[in-house]
């Protein structure tokens, strides 16, 4: 059974930091491209960060320089380090594993940036 389990969300003040984790099981983690998406209330889900199985990374423009995606294949885990958080980063964050036509999603973790 495939599982992607996110953790690390919470309430943080503007300018603060959070580190999200997504632990995968039931897949050969190293062959999957791993992605972080987010969805704010009333908005479409958007792709935030990508890390390929070759460790190439990319980010949506609004988080460049603030967020860092990384992966640890030995721990089957992908991370999203989020710094200098802004209220507009408030959303449910989901990890996603993709390999060819196969895609898996986690259940999401809520990030709220508010004073």
N, C-alpha and C. Protein backbone atom coordinates (compact mmCIF):
# COMPACT_ATOMS: atom_id res chain seq x y z
N UNK A 1 0.85 -1.19 0.00
CA UNK A 1 0.00 0.00 0.00
C UNK A 1 0.89 1.24 0.00
N UNK A 2 0.59 2.15 -0.92
CA UNK A 2 1.38 3.37 -1.03
C UNK A 2 0.84 4.42 -0.07
N UNK A 3 1.75 5.05 0.65
CA UNK A 3 1.37 6.15 1.54
C UNK A 3 2.37 7.28 1.42
N UNK A 4 1.84 8.48 1.36
CA UNK A 4 2.64 9.70 1.48
C UNK A 4 2.07 10.46 2.67
N UNK A 5 2.89 10.69 3.68
CA UNK A 5 2.42 11.30 4.91
C UNK A 5 3.18 12.58 5.16
N UNK A 6 2.45 13.70 5.05
CA UNK A 6 3.05 15.01 5.31
C UNK A 6 2.99 15.36 6.79
N UNK A 7 3.95 16.15 7.21
CA UNK A 7 3.96 16.66 8.58
C UNK A 7 4.74 17.97 8.59
N UNK A 8 4.62 18.69 9.71
CA UNK A 8 5.39 19.91 9.89
C UNK A 8 4.63 21.20 9.70
N UNK A 9 3.37 21.11 9.32
CA UNK A 9 2.58 22.32 9.17
C UNK A 9 2.22 22.92 10.52
N UNK A 10 1.64 24.11 10.47
CA UNK A 10 1.22 24.76 11.70
C UNK A 10 0.99 26.23 11.49
N UNK A 11 0.88 26.93 12.62
CA UNK A 11 0.68 28.38 12.62
C UNK A 11 2.02 29.06 12.87
N UNK A 12 2.35 30.04 12.03
CA UNK A 12 3.61 30.75 12.18
C UNK A 12 3.38 32.21 11.86
N UNK A 13 4.16 33.08 12.49
CA UNK A 13 4.04 34.51 12.23
C UNK A 13 4.71 34.87 10.92
N UNK A 14 4.29 35.95 10.29
CA UNK A 14 4.97 36.41 9.08
C UNK A 14 6.47 36.59 9.34
N UNK A 15 7.27 36.15 8.38
CA UNK A 15 8.72 36.19 8.53
C UNK A 15 9.30 34.94 9.16
N UNK A 16 8.45 34.08 9.66
CA UNK A 16 8.91 32.85 10.30
C UNK A 16 9.23 31.74 9.32
N UNK A 17 9.57 30.59 9.88
CA UNK A 17 9.97 29.44 9.07
C UNK A 17 9.24 28.19 9.52
N UNK A 18 9.08 27.29 8.57
CA UNK A 18 8.57 25.95 8.83
C UNK A 18 9.30 24.98 7.91
N UNK A 19 9.40 23.75 8.36
CA UNK A 19 9.95 22.70 7.52
C UNK A 19 8.92 21.58 7.40
N UNK A 20 8.45 21.38 6.19
CA UNK A 20 7.52 20.30 5.93
C UNK A 20 8.28 19.04 5.54
N UNK A 21 7.73 17.90 5.94
CA UNK A 21 8.28 16.61 5.56
C UNK A 21 7.19 15.77 4.92
N UNK A 22 7.61 14.91 4.03
CA UNK A 22 6.69 13.97 3.41
C UNK A 22 7.40 12.61 3.36
N UNK A 23 6.90 11.69 4.16
CA UNK A 23 7.50 10.36 4.23
C UNK A 23 6.70 9.41 3.34
N UNK A 24 7.41 8.74 2.45
CA UNK A 24 6.77 7.83 1.50
C UNK A 24 7.02 6.38 1.89
N UNK A 25 6.03 5.54 1.63
CA UNK A 25 6.19 4.11 1.81
C UNK A 25 5.43 3.40 0.70
N UNK A 26 5.88 2.20 0.39
CA UNK A 26 5.19 1.41 -0.63
C UNK A 26 5.61 1.71 -2.05
N UNK A 27 6.60 2.58 -2.23
CA UNK A 27 7.10 2.90 -3.57
C UNK A 27 8.62 2.84 -3.56
N UNK A 28 9.19 2.70 -4.75
CA UNK A 28 10.65 2.81 -4.89
C UNK A 28 10.94 4.31 -4.99
N UNK A 29 11.14 4.91 -3.85
CA UNK A 29 11.17 6.37 -3.74
C UNK A 29 12.17 7.00 -4.70
N UNK A 30 13.31 6.40 -4.87
CA UNK A 30 14.39 7.04 -5.62
C UNK A 30 14.06 7.26 -7.09
N UNK A 31 13.09 6.52 -7.65
CA UNK A 31 12.79 6.70 -9.06
C UNK A 31 11.71 7.76 -9.30
N UNK A 32 11.10 8.23 -8.22
CA UNK A 32 10.00 9.18 -8.35
C UNK A 32 10.49 10.63 -8.32
N UNK A 33 9.90 11.44 -9.17
CA UNK A 33 10.02 12.89 -9.01
C UNK A 33 9.07 13.27 -7.89
N UNK A 34 9.51 14.15 -7.01
CA UNK A 34 8.72 14.54 -5.87
C UNK A 34 8.37 16.02 -5.96
N UNK A 35 7.14 16.32 -5.65
CA UNK A 35 6.64 17.69 -5.81
C UNK A 35 5.87 18.13 -4.56
N UNK A 36 5.89 19.42 -4.32
CA UNK A 36 5.03 20.02 -3.31
C UNK A 36 4.03 20.94 -4.03
N UNK A 37 2.78 20.77 -3.69
CA UNK A 37 1.70 21.62 -4.17
C UNK A 37 1.08 22.31 -2.96
N UNK A 38 0.31 23.35 -3.23
CA UNK A 38 -0.47 23.98 -2.18
C UNK A 38 -1.81 24.44 -2.74
N UNK A 39 -2.77 24.52 -1.84
CA UNK A 39 -4.09 24.99 -2.23
C UNK A 39 -4.66 25.87 -1.14
N UNK A 40 -4.88 27.12 -1.49
CA UNK A 40 -5.50 28.06 -0.56
C UNK A 40 -7.02 28.02 -0.76
N UNK A 41 -7.78 28.40 0.27
CA UNK A 41 -9.24 28.39 0.14
C UNK A 41 -9.71 29.20 -1.06
N UNK A 42 -10.56 28.60 -1.87
CA UNK A 42 -11.12 29.28 -3.03
C UNK A 42 -10.20 29.39 -4.21
N UNK A 43 -9.01 28.76 -4.12
CA UNK A 43 -8.06 28.85 -5.22
C UNK A 43 -7.72 27.45 -5.74
N UNK A 44 -7.18 27.43 -6.94
CA UNK A 44 -6.76 26.16 -7.51
C UNK A 44 -5.46 25.68 -6.87
N UNK A 45 -5.28 24.38 -6.88
CA UNK A 45 -4.03 23.83 -6.38
C UNK A 45 -2.90 24.26 -7.31
N UNK A 46 -1.79 24.70 -6.74
CA UNK A 46 -0.66 25.14 -7.54
C UNK A 46 0.61 24.38 -7.16
N UNK A 47 1.44 24.19 -8.17
CA UNK A 47 2.73 23.53 -7.97
C UNK A 47 3.70 24.53 -7.35
N UNK A 48 4.29 24.16 -6.24
CA UNK A 48 5.19 25.05 -5.51
C UNK A 48 6.65 24.73 -5.79
N UNK A 49 7.00 23.45 -5.71
CA UNK A 49 8.41 23.07 -5.85
C UNK A 49 8.50 21.65 -6.39
N UNK A 50 9.56 21.42 -7.12
CA UNK A 50 9.81 20.13 -7.76
C UNK A 50 11.24 19.70 -7.46
N UNK A 51 11.43 18.42 -7.20
CA UNK A 51 12.77 17.85 -7.18
C UNK A 51 12.71 16.54 -7.95
N UNK A 52 13.51 16.46 -8.99
CA UNK A 52 13.49 15.27 -9.82
C UNK A 52 14.26 14.15 -9.15
N UNK A 53 14.20 12.97 -9.73
CA UNK A 53 14.95 11.86 -9.16
C UNK A 53 16.45 12.09 -9.34
N UNK A 54 16.81 13.03 -10.21
CA UNK A 54 18.21 13.41 -10.37
C UNK A 54 18.59 14.63 -9.57
N UNK A 55 17.71 15.04 -8.64
CA UNK A 55 17.95 16.17 -7.74
C UNK A 55 17.97 17.53 -8.42
N UNK A 56 17.33 17.63 -9.56
CA UNK A 56 17.14 18.94 -10.17
C UNK A 56 15.91 19.57 -9.53
N UNK A 57 16.03 20.83 -9.15
CA UNK A 57 14.93 21.50 -8.45
C UNK A 57 14.39 22.67 -9.26
N UNK A 58 13.14 22.99 -8.99
CA UNK A 58 12.53 24.17 -9.59
C UNK A 58 11.42 24.64 -8.68
N UNK A 59 11.09 25.94 -8.79
CA UNK A 59 10.14 26.55 -7.88
C UNK A 59 9.21 27.49 -8.63
N UNK A 60 8.02 27.65 -8.10
CA UNK A 60 7.17 28.70 -8.62
C UNK A 60 7.78 30.05 -8.23
N UNK A 61 7.55 31.04 -9.07
CA UNK A 61 8.24 32.32 -8.92
C UNK A 61 8.04 32.94 -7.54
N UNK A 62 6.86 32.80 -6.98
CA UNK A 62 6.54 33.50 -5.73
C UNK A 62 7.30 32.97 -4.52
N UNK A 63 7.91 31.79 -4.63
CA UNK A 63 8.63 31.24 -3.48
C UNK A 63 10.14 31.14 -3.72
N UNK A 64 10.59 31.52 -4.90
CA UNK A 64 12.03 31.43 -5.19
C UNK A 64 12.81 32.30 -4.21
N UNK A 65 13.88 31.74 -3.68
CA UNK A 65 14.71 32.44 -2.72
C UNK A 65 14.24 32.30 -1.29
N UNK A 66 13.04 31.76 -1.10
CA UNK A 66 12.49 31.59 0.25
C UNK A 66 12.30 30.12 0.61
N UNK A 67 11.91 29.30 -0.35
CA UNK A 67 11.65 27.88 -0.11
C UNK A 67 12.77 27.03 -0.71
N UNK A 68 13.05 25.92 -0.05
CA UNK A 68 14.04 24.97 -0.57
C UNK A 68 13.48 23.56 -0.46
N UNK A 69 13.46 22.87 -1.58
CA UNK A 69 13.03 21.47 -1.59
C UNK A 69 14.26 20.57 -1.59
N UNK A 70 14.19 19.48 -0.85
CA UNK A 70 15.29 18.52 -0.81
C UNK A 70 14.71 17.14 -0.59
N UNK A 71 15.53 16.14 -0.82
CA UNK A 71 15.07 14.77 -0.62
C UNK A 71 16.18 13.94 0.00
N UNK A 72 15.76 12.93 0.76
CA UNK A 72 16.68 11.97 1.35
C UNK A 72 16.19 10.59 0.93
N UNK A 73 16.83 10.03 -0.07
CA UNK A 73 16.37 8.74 -0.59
C UNK A 73 16.55 7.62 0.43
N UNK A 74 17.51 7.76 1.31
CA UNK A 74 17.72 6.73 2.34
C UNK A 74 16.55 6.70 3.33
N UNK A 75 15.89 7.85 3.50
CA UNK A 75 14.77 7.93 4.44
C UNK A 75 13.43 7.99 3.72
N UNK A 76 13.44 7.89 2.39
CA UNK A 76 12.20 7.96 1.60
C UNK A 76 11.40 9.21 1.95
N UNK A 77 12.08 10.31 2.08
CA UNK A 77 11.44 11.54 2.56
C UNK A 77 11.85 12.73 1.70
N UNK A 78 10.86 13.58 1.43
CA UNK A 78 11.11 14.85 0.76
C UNK A 78 10.75 15.97 1.74
N UNK A 79 11.51 17.05 1.67
CA UNK A 79 11.33 18.16 2.59
C UNK A 79 11.04 19.45 1.82
N UNK A 80 10.39 20.36 2.52
CA UNK A 80 10.22 21.71 2.00
C UNK A 80 10.54 22.68 3.14
N UNK A 81 11.70 23.30 3.05
CA UNK A 81 12.09 24.33 4.02
C UNK A 81 11.51 25.65 3.55
N UNK A 82 10.70 26.25 4.40
CA UNK A 82 10.02 27.49 4.04
C UNK A 82 10.47 28.59 4.99
N UNK A 83 11.13 29.59 4.43
CA UNK A 83 11.62 30.73 5.21
C UNK A 83 10.91 32.01 4.77
N UNK A 84 11.03 33.03 5.60
CA UNK A 84 10.42 34.34 5.28
C UNK A 84 8.97 34.18 4.85
N UNK A 85 8.23 33.44 5.62
CA UNK A 85 6.85 33.14 5.25
C UNK A 85 5.99 34.39 5.25
N UNK A 86 5.05 34.40 4.32
CA UNK A 86 4.13 35.52 4.14
C UNK A 86 2.69 35.03 4.32
N UNK A 87 1.78 35.93 4.66
CA UNK A 87 0.37 35.50 4.79
C UNK A 87 -0.16 34.82 3.53
N UNK A 88 0.32 35.22 2.39
CA UNK A 88 -0.15 34.61 1.14
C UNK A 88 0.38 33.19 0.93
N UNK A 89 1.27 32.73 1.81
CA UNK A 89 1.71 31.33 1.76
C UNK A 89 0.73 30.41 2.49
N UNK A 90 -0.25 30.99 3.15
CA UNK A 90 -1.24 30.20 3.87
C UNK A 90 -2.00 29.29 2.90
N UNK A 91 -1.97 27.99 3.20
CA UNK A 91 -2.59 27.01 2.32
C UNK A 91 -2.44 25.63 2.93
N UNK A 92 -3.15 24.67 2.35
CA UNK A 92 -2.88 23.27 2.62
C UNK A 92 -1.78 22.84 1.65
N UNK A 93 -0.75 22.21 2.18
CA UNK A 93 0.38 21.79 1.37
C UNK A 93 0.34 20.27 1.20
N UNK A 94 0.51 19.84 -0.05
CA UNK A 94 0.44 18.42 -0.40
C UNK A 94 1.72 17.98 -1.08
N UNK A 95 2.19 16.80 -0.73
CA UNK A 95 3.28 16.25 -1.51
C UNK A 95 2.72 15.28 -2.54
N UNK A 96 3.49 15.07 -3.57
CA UNK A 96 3.06 14.33 -4.74
C UNK A 96 4.27 13.58 -5.25
N UNK A 97 4.06 12.31 -5.57
CA UNK A 97 5.11 11.48 -6.15
C UNK A 97 4.69 11.11 -7.57
N UNK A 98 5.57 11.33 -8.52
CA UNK A 98 5.21 11.09 -9.92
C UNK A 98 6.30 10.30 -10.63
N UNK A 99 5.87 9.26 -11.33
CA UNK A 99 6.78 8.46 -12.14
C UNK A 99 6.00 7.98 -13.34
N UNK A 100 6.37 8.46 -14.50
CA UNK A 100 5.65 8.19 -15.75
C UNK A 100 4.18 8.54 -15.55
N UNK A 101 3.26 7.61 -15.72
CA UNK A 101 1.84 7.92 -15.60
C UNK A 101 1.30 7.68 -14.20
N UNK A 102 2.16 7.32 -13.28
CA UNK A 102 1.74 7.01 -11.92
C UNK A 102 1.94 8.21 -11.01
N UNK A 103 0.89 8.57 -10.32
CA UNK A 103 0.94 9.72 -9.41
C UNK A 103 0.29 9.35 -8.09
N UNK A 104 0.93 9.72 -7.01
CA UNK A 104 0.38 9.53 -5.68
C UNK A 104 0.36 10.85 -4.94
N UNK A 105 -0.64 11.00 -4.07
CA UNK A 105 -0.78 12.22 -3.27
C UNK A 105 -0.81 11.90 -1.79
N UNK A 106 -0.31 12.84 -1.02
CA UNK A 106 -0.48 12.78 0.41
C UNK A 106 -1.79 13.43 0.81
N UNK A 107 -2.05 13.42 2.12
CA UNK A 107 -3.32 13.94 2.62
C UNK A 107 -3.28 15.42 2.91
N UNK A 108 -2.09 15.99 2.94
CA UNK A 108 -1.94 17.42 3.12
C UNK A 108 -1.64 17.82 4.55
N UNK A 109 -0.99 18.96 4.69
CA UNK A 109 -0.74 19.55 6.01
C UNK A 109 -0.99 21.06 5.89
N UNK A 110 -1.64 21.62 6.90
CA UNK A 110 -2.05 23.02 6.84
C UNK A 110 -0.93 23.93 7.31
N UNK A 111 -0.68 24.96 6.54
CA UNK A 111 0.25 26.03 6.93
C UNK A 111 -0.53 27.33 7.00
N UNK A 112 -0.47 27.97 8.15
CA UNK A 112 -1.16 29.25 8.34
C UNK A 112 -0.14 30.28 8.78
N UNK A 113 -0.04 31.36 8.03
CA UNK A 113 0.90 32.44 8.33
C UNK A 113 0.08 33.65 8.75
N UNK A 114 0.16 33.97 10.02
CA UNK A 114 -0.67 35.04 10.56
C UNK A 114 -0.07 35.58 11.84
N UNK A 115 -0.29 36.88 12.07
CA UNK A 115 0.17 37.47 13.32
C UNK A 115 -0.95 37.47 14.35
